[in-house]
Amino acid sequence: MLALAVLTILTAQQPDADPKIIALTVAEIRRLLNALVLTRPLPPEHTLHWSIWRRTSQARARRSHYQRRLSHQASRRIK
């Protein structure tokens, strides 16, 4: 429980400055801690690169989802 509280606080303290990548989530921080501390370690560069790739991909999916919903709403207004 304490670990979840710490992860939640870490997540809430992040600024959401870069629209090309989503902010760290509680789940992503947990994955990073697990990958960097609890399991047989891969090189930290690999783990951090994977995290950045994953969050960039999520941001791209989020933008696509928003654009699709906006275009769908616009087409419904025209009719």
PDB file of N, CA and C in Angstrom:
ATOM      1  N   MET A   1       0.815  -1.194   0.000  1.00  0.00           N
ATOM      2  CA  MET A   1       0.000   0.000   0.000  1.00  0.00           C
ATOM      3  C   MET A   1       0.863   1.264   0.000  1.00  0.00           C
ATOM      4  N   LEU A   2       1.928   1.231   0.770  1.00  0.00           N
ATOM      5  CA  LEU A   2       2.803   2.399   0.832  1.00  0.00           C
ATOM      6  C   LEU A   2       3.443   2.659  -0.528  1.00  0.00           C
ATOM      7  N   ALA A   3       3.853   1.584  -1.192  1.00  0.00           N
ATOM      8  CA  ALA A   3       4.468   1.746  -2.511  1.00  0.00           C
ATOM      9  C   ALA A   3       3.482   2.371  -3.496  1.00  0.00           C
ATOM     10  N   LEU A   4       2.230   1.962  -3.464  1.00  0.00           N
ATOM     11  CA  LEU A   4       1.217   2.539  -4.351  1.00  0.00           C
ATOM     12  C   LEU A   4       1.011   4.021  -4.042  1.00  0.00           C
ATOM     13  N   ALA A   5       1.033   4.369  -2.766  1.00  0.00           N
ATOM     14  CA  ALA A   5       0.892   5.781  -2.393  1.00  0.00           C
ATOM     15  C   ALA A   5       2.056   6.605  -2.929  1.00  0.00           C
ATOM     16  N   VAL A   6       3.268   6.074  -2.814  1.00  0.00           N
ATOM     17  CA  VAL A   6       4.448   6.776  -3.319  1.00  0.00           C
ATOM     18  C   VAL A   6       4.355   6.935  -4.831  1.00  0.00           C
ATOM     19  N   LEU A   7       3.944   5.890  -5.530  1.00  0.00           N
ATOM     20  CA  LEU A   7       3.806   5.963  -6.987  1.00  0.00           C
ATOM     21  C   LEU A   7       2.760   6.996  -7.387  1.00  0.00           C
ATOM     22  N   THR A   8       1.669   7.057  -6.668  1.00  0.00           N
ATOM     23  CA  THR A   8       0.616   8.021  -6.972  1.00  0.00           C
ATOM     24  C   THR A   8       1.117   9.449  -6.772  1.00  0.00           C
ATOM     25  N   ILE A   9       1.870   9.673  -5.712  1.00  0.00           N
ATOM     26  CA  ILE A   9       2.425  11.009  -5.460  1.00  0.00           C
ATOM     27  C   ILE A   9       3.416  11.384  -6.552  1.00  0.00           C
ATOM     28  N   LEU A  10       4.295  10.450  -6.929  1.00  0.00           N
ATOM     29  CA  LEU A  10       5.253  10.725  -8.000  1.00  0.00           C
ATOM     30  C   LEU A  10       4.538  11.087  -9.296  1.00  0.00           C
ATOM     31  N   THR A  11       3.475  10.390  -9.604  1.00  0.00           N
ATOM     32  CA  THR A  11       2.722  10.646 -10.824  1.00  0.00           C
ATOM     33  C   THR A  11       2.060  12.021 -10.780  1.00  0.00           C
ATOM     34  N   ALA A  12       1.502  12.378  -9.654  1.00  0.00           N
ATOM     35  CA  ALA A  12       0.784  13.649  -9.542  1.00  0.00           C
ATOM     36  C   ALA A  12       1.719  14.854  -9.601  1.00  0.00           C
ATOM     37  N   GLN A  13       2.977  14.676  -9.258  1.00  0.00           N
ATOM     38  CA  GLN A  13       3.913  15.795  -9.215  1.00  0.00           C
ATOM     39  C   GLN A  13       4.536  16.115 -10.562  1.00  0.00           C
ATOM     40  N   GLN A  14       4.267  15.343 -11.584  1.00  0.00           N
ATOM     41  CA  GLN A  14       4.887  15.562 -12.886  1.00  0.00           C
ATOM     42  C   GLN A  14       4.183  16.644 -13.685  1.00  0.00           C
ATOM     43  N   PRO A  15       4.933  17.520 -14.310  1.00  0.00           N
ATOM     44  CA  PRO A  15       4.308  18.432 -15.268  1.00  0.00           C
ATOM     45  C   PRO A  15       4.045  17.688 -16.581  1.00  0.00           C
ATOM     46  N   ASP A  16       2.989  18.056 -17.278  1.00  0.00           N
ATOM     47  CA  ASP A  16       2.662  17.435 -18.558  1.00  0.00           C
ATOM     48  C   ASP A  16       3.057  18.423 -19.661  1.00  0.00           C
ATOM     49  N   ALA A  17       4.373  18.552 -19.877  1.00  0.00           N
ATOM     50  CA  ALA A  17       4.891  19.609 -20.741  1.00  0.00           C
ATOM     51  C   ALA A  17       4.997  19.208 -22.207  1.00  0.00           C
ATOM     52  N   ASP A  18       5.323  17.971 -22.493  1.00  0.00           N
ATOM     53  CA  ASP A  18       5.617  17.559 -23.865  1.00  0.00           C
ATOM     54  C   ASP A  18       4.424  16.812 -24.462  1.00  0.00           C
ATOM     55  N   PRO A  19       3.752  17.377 -25.482  1.00  0.00           N
ATOM     56  CA  PRO A  19       2.598  16.693 -26.059  1.00  0.00           C
ATOM     57  C   PRO A  19       2.974  15.466 -26.890  1.00  0.00           C
ATOM     58  N   LYS A  20       4.267  15.280 -27.169  1.00  0.00           N
ATOM     59  CA  LYS A  20       4.684  14.135 -27.968  1.00  0.00           C
ATOM     60  C   LYS A  20       4.835  12.873 -27.131  1.00  0.00           C
ATOM     61  N   ILE A  21       4.729  12.990 -25.813  1.00  0.00           N
ATOM     62  CA  ILE A  21       4.871  11.839 -24.928  1.00  0.00           C
ATOM     63  C   ILE A  21       3.964  12.062 -23.728  1.00  0.00           C
ATOM     64  N   ILE A  22       3.294  11.017 -23.288  1.00  0.00           N
ATOM     65  CA  ILE A  22       2.419  11.175 -22.129  1.00  0.00           C
ATOM     66  C   ILE A  22       3.263  11.181 -20.861  1.00  0.00           C
ATOM     67  N   ALA A  23       2.701  11.714 -19.811  1.00  0.00           N
ATOM     68  CA  ALA A  23       3.391  11.738 -18.520  1.00  0.00           C
ATOM     69  C   ALA A  23       3.485  10.310 -17.974  1.00  0.00           C
ATOM     70  N   LEU A  24       4.399  10.129 -17.056  1.00  0.00           N
ATOM     71  CA  LEU A  24       4.510   8.821 -16.416  1.00  0.00           C
ATOM     72  C   LEU A  24       3.231   8.533 -15.640  1.00  0.00           C
ATOM     73  N   THR A  25       2.768   7.301 -15.744  1.00  0.00           N
ATOM     74  CA  THR A  25       1.590   6.873 -14.997  1.00  0.00           C
ATOM     75  C   THR A  25       2.045   6.007 -13.836  1.00  0.00           C
ATOM     76  N   VAL A  26       1.130   5.724 -12.924  1.00  0.00           N
ATOM     77  CA  VAL A  26       1.457   4.834 -11.807  1.00  0.00           C
ATOM     78  C   VAL A  26       1.904   3.477 -12.352  1.00  0.00           C
ATOM     79  N   ALA A  27       1.201   2.974 -13.344  1.00  0.00           N
ATOM     80  CA  ALA A  27       1.556   1.669 -13.914  1.00  0.00           C
ATOM     81  C   ALA A  27       2.942   1.702 -14.562  1.00  0.00           C
ATOM     82  N   GLU A  28       3.265   2.790 -15.247  1.00  0.00           N
ATOM     83  CA  GLU A  28       4.576   2.889 -15.903  1.00  0.00           C
ATOM     84  C   GLU A  28       5.692   3.012 -14.871  1.00  0.00           C
ATOM     85  N   ILE A  29       5.471   3.767 -13.815  1.00  0.00           N
ATOM     86  CA  ILE A  29       6.481   3.861 -12.757  1.00  0.00           C
ATOM     87  C   ILE A  29       6.691   2.500 -12.116  1.00  0.00           C
ATOM     88  N   ARG A  30       5.603   1.766 -11.899  1.00  0.00           N
ATOM     89  CA  ARG A  30       5.711   0.416 -11.324  1.00  0.00           C
ATOM     90  C   ARG A  30       6.510  -0.498 -12.246  1.00  0.00           C
ATOM     91  N   ARG A  31       6.255  -0.416 -13.563  1.00  0.00           N
ATOM     92  CA  ARG A  31       7.011  -1.237 -14.511  1.00  0.00           C
ATOM     93  C   ARG A  31       8.494  -0.876 -14.499  1.00  0.00           C
ATOM     94  N   LEU A  32       8.774   0.424 -14.451  1.00  0.00           N
ATOM     95  CA  LEU A  32      10.177   0.862 -14.430  1.00  0.00           C
ATOM     96  C   LEU A  32      10.879   0.378 -13.169  1.00  0.00           C
ATOM     97  N   LEU A  33      10.221   0.534 -12.020  1.00  0.00           N
ATOM     98  CA  LEU A  33      10.828   0.049 -10.777  1.00  0.00           C
ATOM     99  C   LEU A  33      11.056  -1.458 -10.838  1.00  0.00           C
ATOM    100  N   ASN A  34      10.089  -2.168 -11.356  1.00  0.00           N
ATOM    101  CA  ASN A  34      10.221  -3.619 -11.477  1.00  0.00           C
ATOM    102  C   ASN A  34      11.380  -3.978 -12.409  1.00  0.00           C
ATOM    103  N   ALA A  35      11.469  -3.292 -13.534  1.00  0.00           N
ATOM    104  CA  ALA A  35      12.510  -3.593 -14.511  1.00  0.00           C
ATOM    105  C   ALA A  35      13.893  -3.183 -14.022  1.00  0.00           C
ATOM    106  N   LEU A  36      13.962  -2.065 -13.297  1.00  0.00           N
ATOM    107  CA  LEU A  36      15.269  -1.547 -12.885  1.00  0.00           C
ATOM    108  C   LEU A  36      15.747  -2.102 -11.550  1.00  0.00           C
ATOM    109  N   VAL A  37      14.820  -2.535 -10.687  1.00  0.00           N
ATOM    110  CA  VAL A  37      15.212  -2.903  -9.331  1.00  0.00           C
ATOM    111  C   VAL A  37      14.927  -4.368  -9.007  1.00  0.00           C
ATOM    112  N   LEU A  38      13.762  -4.856  -9.343  1.00  0.00           N
ATOM    113  CA  LEU A  38      13.314  -6.138  -8.809  1.00  0.00           C
ATOM    114  C   LEU A  38      13.669  -7.361  -9.654  1.00  0.00           C
ATOM    115  N   THR A  39      13.894  -7.206 -10.924  1.00  0.00           N
ATOM    116  CA  THR A  39      14.168  -8.360 -11.772  1.00  0.00           C
ATOM    117  C   THR A  39      15.636  -8.387 -12.176  1.00  0.00           C
ATOM    118  N   ARG A  40      16.005  -9.446 -12.878  1.00  0.00           N
ATOM    119  CA  ARG A  40      17.366  -9.517 -13.417  1.00  0.00           C
ATOM    120  C   ARG A  40      17.532  -8.327 -14.343  1.00  0.00           C
ATOM    121  N   PRO A  41      18.449  -7.470 -14.040  1.00  0.00           N
ATOM    122  CA  PRO A  41      18.487  -6.195 -14.747  1.00  0.00           C
ATOM    123  C   PRO A  41      18.929  -6.301 -16.198  1.00  0.00           C
ATOM    124  N   LEU A  42      18.185  -5.619 -17.035  1.00  0.00           N
ATOM    125  CA  LEU A  42      18.623  -5.331 -18.391  1.00  0.00           C
ATOM    126  C   LEU A  42      19.409  -4.033 -18.301  1.00  0.00           C
ATOM    127  N   PRO A  43      20.133  -3.671 -19.317  1.00  0.00           N
ATOM    128  CA  PRO A  43      20.818  -2.384 -19.261  1.00  0.00           C
ATOM    129  C   PRO A  43      19.804  -1.254 -19.043  1.00  0.00           C
ATOM    130  N   PRO A  44      20.093  -0.313 -18.145  1.00  0.00           N
ATOM    131  CA  PRO A  44      19.137   0.769 -17.891  1.00  0.00           C
ATOM    132  C   PRO A  44      18.769   1.539 -19.147  1.00  0.00           C
ATOM    133  N   GLU A  45      19.703   1.676 -20.075  1.00  0.00           N
ATOM    134  CA  GLU A  45      19.404   2.389 -21.320  1.00  0.00           C
ATOM    135  C   GLU A  45      18.271   1.696 -22.080  1.00  0.00           C
ATOM    136  N   HIS A  46      18.307   0.359 -22.092  1.00  0.00           N
ATOM    137  CA  HIS A  46      17.269  -0.410 -22.780  1.00  0.00           C
ATOM    138  C   HIS A  46      15.910  -0.172 -22.129  1.00  0.00           C
ATOM    139  N   THR A  47      15.866  -0.256 -20.809  1.00  0.00           N
ATOM    140  CA  THR A  47      14.611  -0.091 -20.087  1.00  0.00           C
ATOM    141  C   THR A  47      14.047   1.309 -20.279  1.00  0.00           C
ATOM    142  N   LEU A  48      14.897   2.313 -20.187  1.00  0.00           N
ATOM    143  CA  LEU A  48      14.427   3.688 -20.353  1.00  0.00           C
ATOM    144  C   LEU A  48      13.998   3.964 -21.792  1.00  0.00           C
ATOM    145  N   HIS A  49      14.735   3.419 -22.764  1.00  0.00           N
ATOM    146  CA  HIS A  49      14.347   3.582 -24.173  1.00  0.00           C
ATOM    147  C   HIS A  49      12.987   2.937 -24.419  1.00  0.00           C
ATOM    148  N   TRP A  50      12.773   1.754 -23.866  1.00  0.00           N
ATOM    149  CA  TRP A  50      11.501   1.061 -24.022  1.00  0.00           C
ATOM    150  C   TRP A  50      10.366   1.889 -23.409  1.00  0.00           C
ATOM    151  N   SER A  51      10.601   2.487 -22.245  1.00  0.00           N
ATOM    152  CA  SER A  51       9.583   3.293 -21.589  1.00  0.00           C
ATOM    153  C   SER A  51       9.221   4.506 -22.436  1.00  0.00           C
ATOM    154  N   ILE A  52      10.223   5.174 -22.975  1.00  0.00           N
ATOM    155  CA  ILE A  52       9.972   6.344 -23.823  1.00  0.00           C
ATOM    156  C   ILE A  52       9.227   5.936 -25.083  1.00  0.00           C
ATOM    157  N   TRP A  53       9.635   4.821 -25.688  1.00  0.00           N
ATOM    158  CA  TRP A  53       8.944   4.345 -26.895  1.00  0.00           C
ATOM    159  C   TRP A  53       7.478   4.038 -26.580  1.00  0.00           C
ATOM    160  N   ARG A  54       7.218   3.381 -25.472  1.00  0.00           N
ATOM    161  CA  ARG A  54       5.867   2.986 -25.099  1.00  0.00           C
ATOM    162  C   ARG A  54       4.999   4.214 -24.854  1.00  0.00           C
ATOM    163  N   ARG A  55       5.511   5.195 -24.110  1.00  0.00           N
ATOM    164  CA  ARG A  55       4.721   6.387 -23.815  1.00  0.00           C
ATOM    165  C   ARG A  55       4.520   7.247 -25.050  1.00  0.00           C
ATOM    166  N   THR A  56       5.500   7.285 -25.960  1.00  0.00           N
ATOM    167  CA  THR A  56       5.331   8.012 -27.224  1.00  0.00           C
ATOM    168  C   THR A  56       4.239   7.354 -28.061  1.00  0.00           C
ATOM    169  N   SER A  57       4.245   6.031 -28.085  1.00  0.00           N
ATOM    170  CA  SER A  57       3.221   5.294 -28.826  1.00  0.00           C
ATOM    171  C   SER A  57       1.832   5.552 -28.236  1.00  0.00           C
ATOM    172  N   GLN A  58       1.750   5.603 -26.913  1.00  0.00           N
ATOM    173  CA  GLN A  58       0.468   5.883 -26.269  1.00  0.00           C
ATOM    174  C   GLN A  58      -0.007   7.296 -26.588  1.00  0.00           C
ATOM    175  N   ALA A  59       0.918   8.249 -26.627  1.00  0.00           N
ATOM    176  CA  ALA A  59       0.544   9.628 -26.958  1.00  0.00           C
ATOM    177  C   ALA A  59       0.041   9.710 -28.395  1.00  0.00           C
ATOM    178  N   ARG A  60       0.689   8.990 -29.310  1.00  0.00           N
ATOM    179  CA  ARG A  60       0.258   8.968 -30.714  1.00  0.00           C
ATOM    180  C   ARG A  60      -1.147   8.365 -30.807  1.00  0.00           C
ATOM    181  N   ALA A  61      -1.401   7.292 -30.066  1.00  0.00           N
ATOM    182  CA  ALA A  61      -2.727   6.663 -30.075  1.00  0.00           C
ATOM    183  C   ALA A  61      -3.770   7.610 -29.492  1.00  0.00           C
ATOM    184  N   ARG A  62      -3.407   8.343 -28.445  1.00  0.00           N
ATOM    185  CA  ARG A  62      -4.330   9.292 -27.832  1.00  0.00           C
ATOM    186  C   ARG A  62      -4.709  10.387 -28.823  1.00  0.00           C
ATOM    187  N   ARG A  63      -3.700  10.950 -29.526  1.00  0.00           N
ATOM    188  CA  ARG A  63      -3.990  11.996 -30.513  1.00  0.00           C
ATOM    189  C   ARG A  63      -4.891  11.469 -31.622  1.00  0.00           C
ATOM    190  N   SER A  64      -4.593  10.261 -32.091  1.00  0.00           N
ATOM    191  CA  SER A  64      -5.399   9.663 -33.153  1.00  0.00           C
ATOM    192  C   SER A  64      -6.841   9.460 -32.681  1.00  0.00           C
ATOM    193  N   HIS A  65      -6.981   8.991 -31.459  1.00  0.00           N
ATOM    194  CA  HIS A  65      -8.314   8.760 -30.902  1.00  0.00           C
ATOM    195  C   HIS A  65      -9.089  10.078 -30.815  1.00  0.00           C
ATOM    196  N   TYR A  66      -8.437  11.124 -30.315  1.00  0.00           N
ATOM    197  CA  TYR A  66      -9.102  12.423 -30.208  1.00  0.00           C
ATOM    198  C   TYR A  66      -9.478  12.966 -31.582  1.00  0.00           C
ATOM    199  N   GLN A  67      -8.572  12.854 -32.547  1.00  0.00           N
ATOM    200  CA  GLN A  67      -8.869  13.354 -33.896  1.00  0.00           C
ATOM    201  C   GLN A  67     -10.047  12.601 -34.499  1.00  0.00           C
ATOM    202  N   ARG A  68     -10.082  11.305 -34.312  1.00  0.00           N
ATOM    203  CA  ARG A  68     -11.178  10.507 -34.872  1.00  0.00           C
ATOM    204  C   ARG A  68     -12.506  10.893 -34.234  1.00  0.00           C
ATOM    205  N   ARG A  69     -12.505  11.082 -32.910  1.00  0.00           N
ATOM    206  CA  ARG A  69     -13.746  11.469 -32.238  1.00  0.00           C
ATOM    207  C   ARG A  69     -14.196  12.860 -32.667  1.00  0.00           C
ATOM    208  N   LEU A  70     -13.234  13.791 -32.835  1.00  0.00           N
ATOM    209  CA  LEU A  70     -13.598  15.134 -33.269  1.00  0.00           C
ATOM    210  C   LEU A  70     -14.165  15.129 -34.682  1.00  0.00           C
ATOM    211  N   SER A  71     -13.553  14.359 -35.583  1.00  0.00           N
ATOM    212  CA  SER A  71     -14.064  14.310 -36.957  1.00  0.00           C
ATOM    213  C   SER A  71     -15.438  13.640 -36.999  1.00  0.00           C
ATOM    214  N   HIS A  72     -15.632  12.647 -36.127  1.00  0.00           N
ATOM    215  CA  HIS A  72     -16.935  11.975 -36.071  1.00  0.00           C
ATOM    216  C   HIS A  72     -18.003  12.943 -35.564  1.00  0.00           C
ATOM    217  N   GLN A  73     -17.664  13.736 -34.546  1.00  0.00           N
ATOM    218  CA  GLN A  73     -18.614  14.712 -34.009  1.00  0.00           C
ATOM    219  C   GLN A  73     -18.900  15.798 -35.040  1.00  0.00           C
ATOM    220  N   ALA A  74     -17.889  16.234 -35.778  1.00  0.00           N
ATOM    221  CA  ALA A  74     -18.083  17.270 -36.808  1.00  0.00           C
ATOM    222  C   ALA A  74     -18.990  16.754 -37.911  1.00  0.00           C
ATOM    223  N   SER A  75     -18.794  15.505 -38.327  1.00  0.00           N
ATOM    224  CA  SER A  75     -19.631  14.952 -39.391  1.00  0.00           C
ATOM    225  C   SER A  75     -21.070  14.777 -38.934  1.00  0.00           C
ATOM    226  N   ARG A  76     -21.282  14.525 -37.663  1.00  0.00           N
ATOM    227  CA  ARG A  76     -22.654  14.389 -37.147  1.00  0.00           C
ATOM    228  C   ARG A  76     -23.335  15.743 -37.094  1.00  0.00           C
ATOM    229  N   ARG A  77     -22.583  16.834 -36.871  1.00  0.00           N
ATOM    230  CA  ARG A  77     -23.187  18.166 -36.823  1.00  0.00           C
ATOM    231  C   ARG A  77     -23.607  18.639 -38.201  1.00  0.00           C
ATOM    232  N   ILE A  78     -22.858  18.218 -39.235  1.00  0.00           N
ATOM    233  CA  ILE A  78     -23.147  18.656 -40.593  1.00  0.00           C
ATOM    234  C   ILE A  78     -24.477  18.079 -41.076  1.00  0.00           C
ATOM    235  N   LYS A  79     -24.780  16.855 -40.686  1.00  0.00           N
ATOM    236  CA  LYS A  79     -25.985  16.189 -41.162  1.00  0.00           C
ATOM    237  C   LYS A  79     -27.200  16.812 -40.638  1.00  0.00           C
TER     238      LYS A  79
END
